[in-house]
Amino acid sequence: MKRVVIIGNGIAGVTAARNIRKRSKDEILIISGEIDYFFSRTALMYVYMGHMNFENTQPYENHFWKKNKIDLLNGWVEEIQFENKKVFVRSKIKKLKTDVRTTAFEGEWINYDTLILATGSKPNFYNWPGQDAIGVQGLYSYQDLQQLETTSKQGIKKAVIVGGGLIGIELAEMLLTRKIEVTFLVRENSFWRNVLPEQDSALVTQHVQKHHVHFKFNTSLKEIHKDEQGRVKSILSDKEEKIECDFVGITTGVSPNISFLKNTSLKTDKGILVNEYLQTNIADVYAIGDCTERTYTLPGRRNIEQVWYTGRMMGEVVAQTICGKPTRYEPGPWFNSAKFFDLEYQTYGNVDATCPADENEFYWQDEHTDKAVHLRWKKENGVFTGINTFGIRLRHAFFDQGLRERKSVYYIIENLTLANFDPEFFKRYESQIQDAFAQKNTQDKSLAHH
C-alpha cells in the first residue's frame, strides 16, 4: 500500500483525496495548518455578515474523514526533501479525532510515495511603508476572517480598500453590514476596468456606488500611517491625499503560495510549473489548484487560474492519473461568476477589457435596471467568442456547447430563450435583446449556419 500526501485542504486537495479514495485503497494524508477541516472559502463573507455559522461552511460531517480513511494533520509544511520523498511538518501537538493513522508532533518528518501540492494562494502585499500596522490585512484564509472579526469588534469606523477586484467588493459589502464607511482606491478610471469592457465597468461602478461605496479612481496606495499603539490611523495616496481610516483591506490580487519551495529542485516561476497531466519536473510530485502554473497553452485561458472550479477540476484529473488512468487537464472554455452586492455577473468565453481587432461586439442594457449583456464574435465568420451578463441568469451548458461547437453569434441570439435560467416569474428580456441586436447588426444572416 502506498502513501499519498496532499499539502493543502482546499477544494483542490480535498477533491483529489476524495477521488483517489474512490479508485484506490492507498493511504491518504492531508496536511493543512489553516484549519482542521475543509470549508467553503467563498462563504467566509457570509459568516462575517451573520448569514451563517462557520460550521455551516463545512460540506462534510467531521466523521466523514475517518469513515473514508482519509487522515488529517493540522500543521505547516516547512521543508520538502524530494530526493528522499519526505516532508517536514511543524504541527500542533495533538491528535485529531479523525486521525486514524498519524499522530504528528512538532518537528516531524513524514514520508510519501506520491505528493500532491495544493498550497493555494496568498494576498499580494507590495512592501508599502506601514503595511505591518494593526488593522491592515487581506481576505483569503480562515485566519483572515478571525483577524477581521477581532479588529471589527475594536470599533472600526472608516475603512480603505486597496485594489478593485472581486475580493475587494466582497470585503466592502462585509464592512458595510457593520456600518463601516468604505473608500476604494482603484488604479483604473472605473471599477475592474482592467478586466471588464468600458460599458460593463461603468455599469458595475454605478451599481456599487448606489450602495454608498466611495471610489478614488486612478489612485494607488503610497503609504500607511500608524498611531502610537501601532494601529492604522490614515493612508496617503499616490496623489498625496491623506485619508483618515482605522482599517486597510489589501485586495490587490493573490499569488501562488509557494515561497517555501523556491530554493528546491522543484521548477517554479510565478507558480509551480506543471504539464498537461499536472505533473511537476519531479517524479511522483503533482501540483493542483491556485498554486499551479501550466507550461502548455490552452486557448482563451491563462496559465494561472485561481478560481474554485478549476481547483475542483484539477483534483478530479490528478486523481485519475495517480490511480493509473493518465488524464489531461482540459477545462474547456473559460467561465466564471460573481456578485457585485446584488448584481449577479456571469462570463462565458472571452470578453476582454479591450475588443480585439478581429472581433465585433454588441452591448445591450435595459433602460430602467442594471440588467445587461455584452457579446463578442469573429468578424470573419460570425463565430461566437464570449458573453458577459449582468442581472440575467443564463445556462452554462448552453454557452459551453456554443463555444465548443463554434456556433454563430446569430445562433446564440436566436436561441437566448434556451439559455435563460431566471426563476419562473422573473421578467424576460430576450425579445428586447434580439430586437436591439437586429437593429445594430445587418451582417449576412447566412453566417448563422456556421
Protein backbone atom coordinates (compact mmCIF):
# COMPACT_ATOMS: atom_id res chain seq x y z
CA MET A 1 0.00 0.00 0.00
CA LYS A 2 1.34 3.42 -1.00
CA ARG A 3 1.02 6.70 0.87
CA VAL A 4 -0.35 9.77 -0.91
CA VAL A 5 0.41 13.01 0.94
CA ILE A 6 -1.58 16.12 -0.01
CA ILE A 7 -0.41 19.52 1.21
CA GLY A 8 -3.44 21.79 1.43
CA ASN A 9 -7.07 21.08 2.34
CA GLY A 10 -8.82 23.50 -0.02
CA ILE A 11 -11.17 22.46 -2.82
CA ALA A 12 -8.30 21.14 -4.99
CA GLY A 13 -6.62 18.98 -2.34
CA VAL A 14 -9.83 17.61 -0.85
CA THR A 15 -11.30 16.81 -4.29
CA ALA A 16 -8.12 14.90 -5.13
CA ALA A 17 -8.34 12.94 -1.85
CA ARG A 18 -11.99 12.03 -2.35
CA ASN A 19 -11.45 10.89 -5.93
CA ILE A 20 -8.32 8.89 -5.09
CA ARG A 21 -10.26 7.13 -2.35
CA LYS A 22 -12.99 6.19 -4.85
CA ARG A 23 -10.38 4.45 -7.01
CA SER A 24 -7.75 3.23 -4.58
CA LYS A 25 -7.09 1.79 -1.13
CA ASP A 26 -3.84 3.74 -0.80
CA GLU A 27 -3.14 5.57 2.43
CA ILE A 28 -4.13 9.26 2.11
CA LEU A 29 -2.90 12.06 4.38
CA ILE A 30 -4.00 15.71 4.03
CA ILE A 31 -1.80 18.30 5.76
CA SER A 32 -3.06 21.83 6.45
CA GLY A 33 -2.09 24.41 9.01
CA GLU A 34 -5.04 26.70 8.28
CA ILE A 35 -7.78 24.67 9.96
CA ASP A 36 -8.65 21.07 10.80
CA TYR A 37 -11.46 20.53 8.29
CA PHE A 38 -12.19 21.56 4.71
CA PHE A 39 -14.58 24.51 4.39
CA SER A 40 -16.07 26.63 1.60
CA ARG A 41 -13.73 29.60 1.26
CA THR A 42 -16.27 31.60 -0.75
CA ALA A 43 -18.66 31.50 2.22
CA LEU A 44 -16.36 33.38 4.62
CA MET A 45 -18.08 36.68 3.87
CA TYR A 46 -21.46 35.28 4.89
CA VAL A 47 -20.08 34.18 8.24
CA TYR A 48 -18.89 37.72 8.96
CA MET A 49 -22.22 39.16 7.80
CA GLY A 50 -24.13 36.86 10.14
CA HIS A 51 -25.90 34.91 7.40
CA MET A 52 -24.44 31.57 8.51
CA ASN A 53 -22.27 29.98 11.18
CA PHE A 54 -18.77 28.83 10.30
CA GLU A 55 -19.77 25.20 10.94
CA ASN A 56 -22.24 25.53 8.07
CA THR A 57 -19.40 26.24 5.63
CA GLN A 58 -18.10 22.68 6.04
CA PRO A 59 -19.62 20.41 3.36
CA TYR A 60 -18.84 17.20 5.28
CA GLU A 61 -19.50 15.99 8.80
CA ASN A 62 -16.38 15.56 10.91
CA HIS A 63 -16.80 11.77 10.87
CA PHE A 64 -16.64 11.76 7.05
CA TRP A 65 -12.84 11.67 7.05
CA LYS A 66 -12.47 8.70 9.37
CA LYS A 67 -15.25 6.83 7.59
CA ASN A 68 -13.43 7.28 4.27
CA LYS A 69 -10.00 6.56 5.79
CA ILE A 70 -8.56 9.95 4.93
CA ASP A 71 -6.11 11.13 7.59
CA LEU A 72 -5.95 14.79 8.55
CA LEU A 73 -2.97 16.56 10.06
CA ASN A 74 -3.10 20.14 11.32
CA GLY A 75 0.36 21.57 10.69
CA TRP A 76 2.54 23.64 8.37
CA VAL A 77 4.96 22.04 5.92
CA GLU A 78 8.26 23.92 6.24
CA GLU A 79 10.57 21.79 4.11
CA ILE A 80 10.41 19.06 1.48
CA GLN A 81 13.23 16.65 0.63
CA PHE A 82 12.17 15.49 -2.80
CA GLU A 83 15.15 13.18 -3.23
CA ASN A 84 14.18 11.31 -0.03
CA LYS A 85 10.41 11.64 -0.53
CA LYS A 86 9.62 13.22 2.82
CA VAL A 87 8.16 16.45 4.18
CA PHE A 88 8.91 18.26 7.42
CA VAL A 89 5.79 19.36 9.33
CA ARG A 90 5.61 21.85 12.17
CA SER A 91 2.35 20.88 13.84
CA LYS A 92 0.24 21.42 16.88
CA ILE A 93 0.97 18.73 19.45
CA LYS A 94 -2.34 16.98 19.41
CA LYS A 95 -4.11 14.09 17.76
CA LEU A 96 -7.24 14.86 15.77
CA LYS A 97 -10.31 12.77 16.46
CA THR A 98 -10.47 11.83 12.77
CA ASP A 99 -6.80 10.91 12.52
CA VAL A 100 -6.75 7.12 12.16
CA ARG A 101 -3.06 6.56 11.43
CA THR A 102 -0.83 9.52 12.09
CA THR A 103 -0.11 11.43 15.27
CA ALA A 104 2.18 14.34 14.38
CA PHE A 105 4.37 16.15 16.84
CA GLU A 106 6.22 19.41 16.49
CA GLY A 107 9.06 18.93 14.03
CA GLU A 108 8.21 15.58 12.42
CA TRP A 109 9.35 14.17 9.06
CA ILE A 110 6.62 12.35 7.10
CA ASN A 111 7.37 10.01 4.21
CA TYR A 112 5.35 9.85 0.99
CA ASP A 113 5.18 7.77 -2.17
CA THR A 114 3.14 10.34 -4.10
CA LEU A 115 3.00 14.04 -3.22
CA ILE A 116 0.29 16.49 -4.29
CA LEU A 117 0.96 20.19 -3.75
CA ALA A 118 -2.29 22.11 -3.30
CA THR A 119 -0.98 25.05 -1.30
CA GLY A 120 -3.36 27.68 -2.68
CA SER A 121 -2.82 31.44 -2.85
CA LYS A 122 -1.78 34.31 -0.62
CA PRO A 123 -2.77 38.01 -0.80
CA ASN A 124 -0.36 40.31 -2.61
CA PHE A 125 1.42 42.88 -0.44
CA TYR A 126 3.80 45.29 -2.18
CA ASN A 127 6.03 46.47 0.68
CA TRP A 128 4.12 49.66 1.36
CA PRO A 129 5.52 51.64 4.30
CA GLY A 130 3.33 50.88 7.32
CA GLN A 131 1.74 47.71 5.92
CA ASP A 132 2.60 45.92 9.18
CA ALA A 133 0.25 48.19 11.14
CA ILE A 134 -2.54 46.68 13.23
CA GLY A 135 -5.67 46.85 11.10
CA VAL A 136 -4.01 46.04 7.75
CA GLN A 137 -4.90 42.68 6.20
CA GLY A 138 -6.04 40.69 3.21
CA LEU A 139 -9.07 38.40 2.97
CA TYR A 140 -8.30 34.84 1.93
CA SER A 141 -7.90 32.45 4.86
CA TYR A 142 -9.83 31.47 7.95
CA GLN A 143 -7.23 33.34 9.96
CA ASP A 144 -8.01 36.47 7.93
CA LEU A 145 -11.67 36.12 8.88
CA GLN A 146 -10.77 35.78 12.55
CA GLN A 147 -8.47 38.79 12.37
CA LEU A 148 -11.16 40.88 10.68
CA GLU A 149 -13.71 39.89 13.29
CA THR A 150 -11.34 40.83 16.13
CA THR A 151 -10.45 44.17 14.54
CA SER A 152 -14.11 44.97 13.84
CA LYS A 153 -15.05 44.43 17.47
CA GLN A 154 -12.43 47.01 18.44
CA GLY A 155 -14.50 49.68 16.75
CA ILE A 156 -13.69 50.22 13.06
CA LYS A 157 -15.43 53.31 11.70
CA LYS A 158 -13.65 54.07 8.43
CA ALA A 159 -12.00 51.60 6.06
CA VAL A 160 -9.88 51.96 2.95
CA ILE A 161 -9.80 49.07 0.48
CA VAL A 162 -6.85 48.92 -1.91
CA GLY A 163 -7.44 47.20 -5.24
CA GLY A 164 -10.54 46.85 -7.36
CA GLY A 165 -11.18 43.12 -7.72
CA LEU A 166 -13.81 40.64 -6.61
CA ILE A 167 -12.34 40.12 -3.13
CA GLY A 168 -12.41 43.88 -2.65
CA ILE A 169 -16.13 44.01 -3.45
CA GLU A 170 -16.80 41.18 -1.02
CA LEU A 171 -14.87 42.98 1.71
CA ALA A 172 -16.72 46.24 1.03
CA GLU A 173 -20.09 44.51 1.33
CA MET A 174 -18.98 42.83 4.56
CA LEU A 175 -17.82 46.07 6.18
CA LEU A 176 -20.92 48.00 5.17
CA THR A 177 -23.10 45.49 7.06
CA ARG A 178 -21.27 46.69 10.22
CA LYS A 179 -21.96 50.37 9.36
CA ILE A 180 -18.29 50.92 8.46
CA GLU A 181 -17.62 53.65 5.88
CA VAL A 182 -15.73 52.31 2.85
CA THR A 183 -13.38 54.12 0.47
CA PHE A 184 -11.96 52.22 -2.51
CA LEU A 185 -8.61 53.04 -4.12
CA VAL A 186 -8.77 51.88 -7.75
CA ARG A 187 -5.87 52.29 -10.20
CA GLU A 188 -8.15 52.41 -13.25
CA ASN A 189 -10.70 55.08 -14.21
CA SER A 190 -13.64 52.80 -13.29
CA PHE A 191 -14.11 49.62 -11.28
CA TRP A 192 -12.40 46.45 -12.62
CA ARG A 193 -11.63 48.24 -15.87
CA ASN A 194 -8.53 46.06 -16.40
CA VAL A 195 -10.89 43.06 -16.71
CA LEU A 196 -14.23 44.41 -17.98
CA PRO A 197 -15.05 46.36 -21.16
CA GLU A 198 -15.83 50.06 -20.68
CA GLN A 199 -19.62 49.72 -20.64
CA ASP A 200 -19.58 46.77 -18.25
CA SER A 201 -17.17 48.51 -15.90
CA ALA A 202 -19.29 51.68 -15.89
CA LEU A 203 -22.40 49.64 -15.08
CA VAL A 204 -20.73 47.88 -12.14
CA THR A 205 -19.21 51.13 -10.89
CA GLN A 206 -22.59 52.86 -10.80
CA HIS A 207 -24.21 49.87 -9.11
CA VAL A 208 -21.57 49.73 -6.38
CA GLN A 209 -21.80 53.48 -5.82
CA LYS A 210 -25.53 53.08 -5.18
CA HIS A 211 -24.53 51.02 -2.14
CA HIS A 212 -22.62 54.01 -0.68
CA VAL A 213 -19.09 52.93 -1.55
CA HIS A 214 -16.74 55.88 -2.18
CA PHE A 215 -14.30 55.43 -5.05
CA LYS A 216 -10.95 57.12 -5.62
CA PHE A 217 -10.18 56.33 -9.26
CA ASN A 218 -6.75 56.49 -10.92
CA THR A 219 -5.38 56.26 -7.39
CA SER A 220 -2.94 53.91 -5.67
CA LEU A 221 -1.69 53.44 -2.13
CA LYS A 222 1.59 55.17 -1.27
CA GLU A 223 1.93 54.54 2.48
CA ILE A 224 0.05 53.66 5.65
CA HIS A 225 0.33 55.75 8.82
CA LYS A 226 0.23 54.32 12.36
CA ASP A 227 -0.71 55.81 15.72
CA GLU A 228 1.32 55.41 18.92
CA GLN A 229 -0.10 51.92 19.51
CA GLY A 230 0.88 50.75 16.03
CA ARG A 231 -2.67 50.87 14.70
CA VAL A 232 -3.78 52.29 11.36
CA LYS A 233 -4.75 55.95 11.57
CA SER A 234 -4.63 57.06 7.91
CA ILE A 235 -3.24 56.35 4.45
CA LEU A 236 -1.51 58.53 1.89
CA SER A 237 -2.35 58.02 -1.78
CA ASP A 238 -0.02 58.46 -4.72
CA LYS A 239 -1.79 61.79 -5.28
CA GLU A 240 -0.58 62.92 -1.85
CA GLU A 241 -4.14 62.78 -0.47
CA LYS A 242 -4.41 61.81 3.18
CA ILE A 243 -7.44 59.68 4.09
CA GLU A 244 -8.29 59.06 7.75
CA CYS A 245 -9.13 55.42 8.48
CA ASP A 246 -8.70 52.70 11.09
CA PHE A 247 -8.67 49.71 8.74
CA VAL A 248 -6.94 48.96 5.42
CA GLY A 249 -8.04 45.98 3.33
CA ILE A 250 -5.42 44.79 0.84
CA THR A 251 -7.21 43.21 -2.13
CA THR A 252 -4.64 43.73 -4.88
CA GLY A 253 -4.97 40.16 -6.10
CA VAL A 254 -3.41 36.91 -4.94
CA SER A 255 -0.35 34.91 -5.98
CA PRO A 256 0.61 31.22 -5.67
CA ASN A 257 1.64 30.26 -2.15
CA ILE A 258 5.00 28.69 -2.99
CA SER A 259 7.64 30.68 -1.09
CA PHE A 260 8.76 27.60 0.91
CA LEU A 261 9.55 25.80 -2.38
CA LYS A 262 11.72 28.45 -4.03
CA ASN A 263 15.14 27.01 -3.13
CA THR A 264 14.37 23.40 -4.02
CA SER A 265 14.79 21.32 -7.15
CA LEU A 266 11.11 21.85 -7.97
CA LYS A 267 10.71 24.08 -11.03
CA THR A 268 8.67 27.21 -10.36
CA ASP A 269 8.04 30.59 -11.94
CA LYS A 270 5.10 32.57 -10.61
CA GLY A 271 3.57 29.21 -9.70
CA ILE A 272 4.58 25.54 -9.63
CA LEU A 273 5.20 24.54 -13.24
CA VAL A 274 3.12 21.55 -14.43
CA ASN A 275 2.48 19.71 -17.67
CA GLU A 276 -0.89 18.68 -19.08
CA TYR A 277 -1.12 15.84 -16.54
CA LEU A 278 -0.41 18.29 -13.68
CA GLN A 279 2.97 16.64 -13.13
CA THR A 280 5.92 18.70 -11.95
CA ASN A 281 9.52 18.15 -13.06
CA ILE A 282 9.99 15.71 -10.16
CA ALA A 283 8.71 12.14 -10.38
CA ASP A 284 5.61 11.35 -8.27
CA VAL A 285 5.07 15.03 -7.43
CA TYR A 286 1.97 16.83 -8.73
CA ALA A 287 0.55 20.33 -8.22
CA ILE A 288 -3.09 21.43 -8.44
CA GLY A 289 -5.24 24.47 -7.74
CA ASP A 290 -4.22 28.09 -7.22
CA CYS A 291 -0.51 27.32 -6.78
CA THR A 292 -0.04 25.88 -10.28
CA GLU A 293 1.22 27.42 -13.49
CA ARG A 294 0.69 25.47 -16.70
CA THR A 295 3.64 25.12 -19.08
CA TYR A 296 1.30 24.49 -22.01
CA THR A 297 -1.23 26.79 -23.65
CA LEU A 298 -5.00 26.39 -23.57
CA PRO A 299 -6.86 28.76 -25.95
CA GLY A 300 -8.70 31.52 -24.12
CA ARG A 301 -7.29 30.61 -20.71
CA ARG A 302 -4.49 31.97 -18.55
CA ASN A 303 -1.67 29.75 -17.34
CA ILE A 304 -2.51 30.60 -13.71
CA GLU A 305 -6.24 30.45 -12.90
CA GLN A 306 -7.20 30.95 -9.28
CA VAL A 307 -10.88 30.11 -9.17
CA TRP A 308 -12.85 27.49 -7.27
CA TYR A 309 -13.98 25.31 -10.14
CA THR A 310 -10.54 24.94 -11.74
CA GLY A 311 -9.21 23.64 -8.42
CA ARG A 312 -12.02 21.09 -8.31
CA MET A 313 -11.37 20.00 -11.91
CA MET A 314 -7.65 19.63 -11.26
CA GLY A 315 -8.36 17.49 -8.20
CA GLU A 316 -10.53 15.16 -10.26
CA VAL A 317 -7.98 14.91 -13.09
CA VAL A 318 -4.93 14.27 -10.91
CA ALA A 319 -6.76 11.51 -9.03
CA GLN A 320 -7.36 9.62 -12.27
CA THR A 321 -3.72 9.97 -13.31
CA ILE A 322 -2.38 8.83 -9.94
CA CYS A 323 -4.74 5.85 -9.96
CA GLY A 324 -3.48 4.52 -13.27
CA LYS A 325 -5.57 6.36 -15.84
CA PRO A 326 -3.42 9.24 -17.15
CA THR A 327 -5.78 12.14 -17.86
CA ARG A 328 -5.02 15.52 -19.39
CA TYR A 329 -6.26 18.67 -17.69
CA GLU A 330 -8.51 20.28 -20.31
CA PRO A 331 -11.10 22.50 -18.60
CA GLY A 332 -12.74 23.74 -21.81
CA PRO A 333 -13.97 27.31 -22.48
CA TRP A 334 -13.45 29.88 -19.74
CA PHE A 335 -16.36 30.73 -17.47
CA ASN A 336 -16.85 32.41 -14.13
CA SER A 337 -19.49 34.08 -11.99
CA ALA A 338 -19.55 36.63 -9.19
CA LYS A 339 -21.80 39.10 -7.43
CA PHE A 340 -21.35 42.85 -7.02
CA PHE A 341 -23.60 43.39 -3.99
CA ASP A 342 -26.95 42.29 -5.51
CA LEU A 343 -25.87 42.41 -9.17
CA GLU A 344 -25.10 38.92 -10.47
CA TYR A 345 -22.37 38.57 -13.09
CA GLN A 346 -21.59 35.68 -15.40
CA THR A 347 -18.99 35.35 -18.14
CA TYR A 348 -18.59 32.62 -20.75
CA GLY A 349 -15.76 32.57 -23.28
CA ASN A 350 -13.61 35.69 -23.55
CA VAL A 351 -14.86 39.25 -23.27
CA ASP A 352 -11.64 41.10 -22.52
CA ALA A 353 -11.34 44.72 -21.41
CA THR A 354 -10.46 45.73 -24.99
CA CYS A 355 -12.18 44.25 -28.03
CA PRO A 356 -9.67 42.50 -30.35
CA ALA A 357 -9.26 43.99 -33.82
CA ASP A 358 -10.65 40.85 -35.47
CA GLU A 359 -13.86 40.82 -33.42
CA ASN A 360 -17.17 42.67 -33.31
CA GLU A 361 -19.16 43.37 -30.16
CA PHE A 362 -22.70 44.18 -29.04
CA TYR A 363 -23.75 45.73 -25.73
CA TRP A 364 -27.33 45.94 -24.50
CA GLN A 365 -28.60 47.41 -21.23
CA ASP A 366 -32.15 47.75 -20.01
CA GLU A 367 -33.23 51.40 -19.72
CA HIS A 368 -34.66 51.02 -16.22
CA THR A 369 -32.45 48.42 -14.50
CA ASP A 370 -28.86 47.25 -14.24
CA LYS A 371 -29.51 44.22 -16.44
CA ALA A 372 -27.13 43.98 -19.39
CA VAL A 373 -25.38 41.64 -21.84
CA HIS A 374 -22.17 42.09 -23.82
CA LEU A 375 -21.36 39.75 -26.73
CA ARG A 376 -18.25 39.26 -28.87
CA TRP A 377 -17.78 37.35 -32.15
CA LYS A 378 -15.31 36.97 -35.01
CA LYS A 379 -15.68 39.49 -37.84
CA GLU A 380 -14.62 37.00 -40.49
CA ASN A 381 -17.17 34.27 -39.91
CA GLY A 382 -19.52 35.37 -37.11
CA VAL A 383 -18.28 32.69 -34.68
CA PHE A 384 -19.37 33.48 -31.11
CA THR A 385 -16.40 34.05 -28.77
CA GLY A 386 -17.88 35.25 -25.48
CA ILE A 387 -20.61 36.91 -23.42
CA ASN A 388 -20.86 38.86 -20.17
CA THR A 389 -24.22 39.03 -18.43
CA PHE A 390 -25.39 41.22 -15.57
CA GLY A 391 -28.59 40.56 -13.64
CA ILE A 392 -29.77 37.86 -16.07
CA ARG A 393 -29.04 34.23 -15.25
CA LEU A 394 -28.02 32.18 -18.27
CA ARG A 395 -27.19 28.48 -18.52
CA HIS A 396 -23.56 27.44 -18.51
CA ALA A 397 -24.28 24.32 -20.60
CA PHE A 398 -25.77 26.36 -23.46
CA PHE A 399 -22.75 28.65 -23.84
CA ASP A 400 -20.21 25.92 -23.20
CA GLN A 401 -21.69 23.96 -26.07
CA GLY A 402 -21.88 27.05 -28.27
CA LEU A 403 -18.21 27.84 -27.69
CA ARG A 404 -17.01 24.27 -28.17
CA GLU A 405 -19.02 23.85 -31.37
CA ARG A 406 -18.07 27.31 -32.67
CA LYS A 407 -21.67 28.40 -33.07
CA SER A 408 -22.52 31.65 -34.85
CA VAL A 409 -23.43 34.71 -32.78
CA TYR A 410 -26.74 34.66 -34.69
CA TYR A 411 -27.43 31.17 -33.36
CA ILE A 412 -26.73 32.43 -29.84
CA ILE A 413 -29.05 35.43 -30.23
CA GLU A 414 -31.87 33.44 -31.82
CA ASN A 415 -31.78 30.83 -29.07
CA LEU A 416 -31.45 33.07 -26.00
CA THR A 417 -34.68 31.68 -24.58
CA LEU A 418 -33.00 28.27 -24.33
CA ALA A 419 -30.20 29.83 -22.29
CA ASN A 420 -32.34 31.71 -19.77
CA PHE A 421 -32.05 30.35 -16.24
CA ASP A 422 -34.00 33.01 -14.34
CA PRO A 423 -36.76 31.90 -11.94
CA GLU A 424 -40.23 31.39 -13.39
CA PHE A 425 -41.77 34.76 -12.55
CA PHE A 426 -38.77 36.96 -13.40
CA LYS A 427 -39.23 39.40 -16.26
CA ARG A 428 -37.72 38.12 -19.52
CA TYR A 429 -35.58 40.30 -21.80
CA GLU A 430 -34.76 38.05 -24.75
CA SER A 431 -37.00 39.84 -27.27
CA GLN A 432 -35.57 43.25 -26.33
CA ILE A 433 -32.02 41.95 -26.75
CA GLN A 434 -32.85 40.29 -30.06
CA ASP A 435 -34.52 43.44 -31.45
CA ALA A 436 -31.61 45.65 -30.39
CA PHE A 437 -29.11 43.25 -31.93
CA ALA A 438 -31.05 43.12 -35.21
CA GLN A 439 -31.09 46.94 -35.42
CA LYS A 440 -27.33 47.26 -34.90
CA ASN A 441 -26.12 44.26 -36.88
CA THR A 442 -27.04 43.86 -40.52
CA GLN A 443 -24.45 41.29 -41.49
CA ASP A 444 -25.37 38.39 -43.77
CA LYS A 445 -27.64 36.08 -41.75
CA SER A 446 -26.15 33.14 -43.63
CA LEU A 447 -23.40 33.28 -41.02
CA ALA A 448 -25.94 31.79 -38.63
CA HIS A 449 -25.31 28.42 -40.25
CA HIS A 450 -21.60 28.36 -39.30
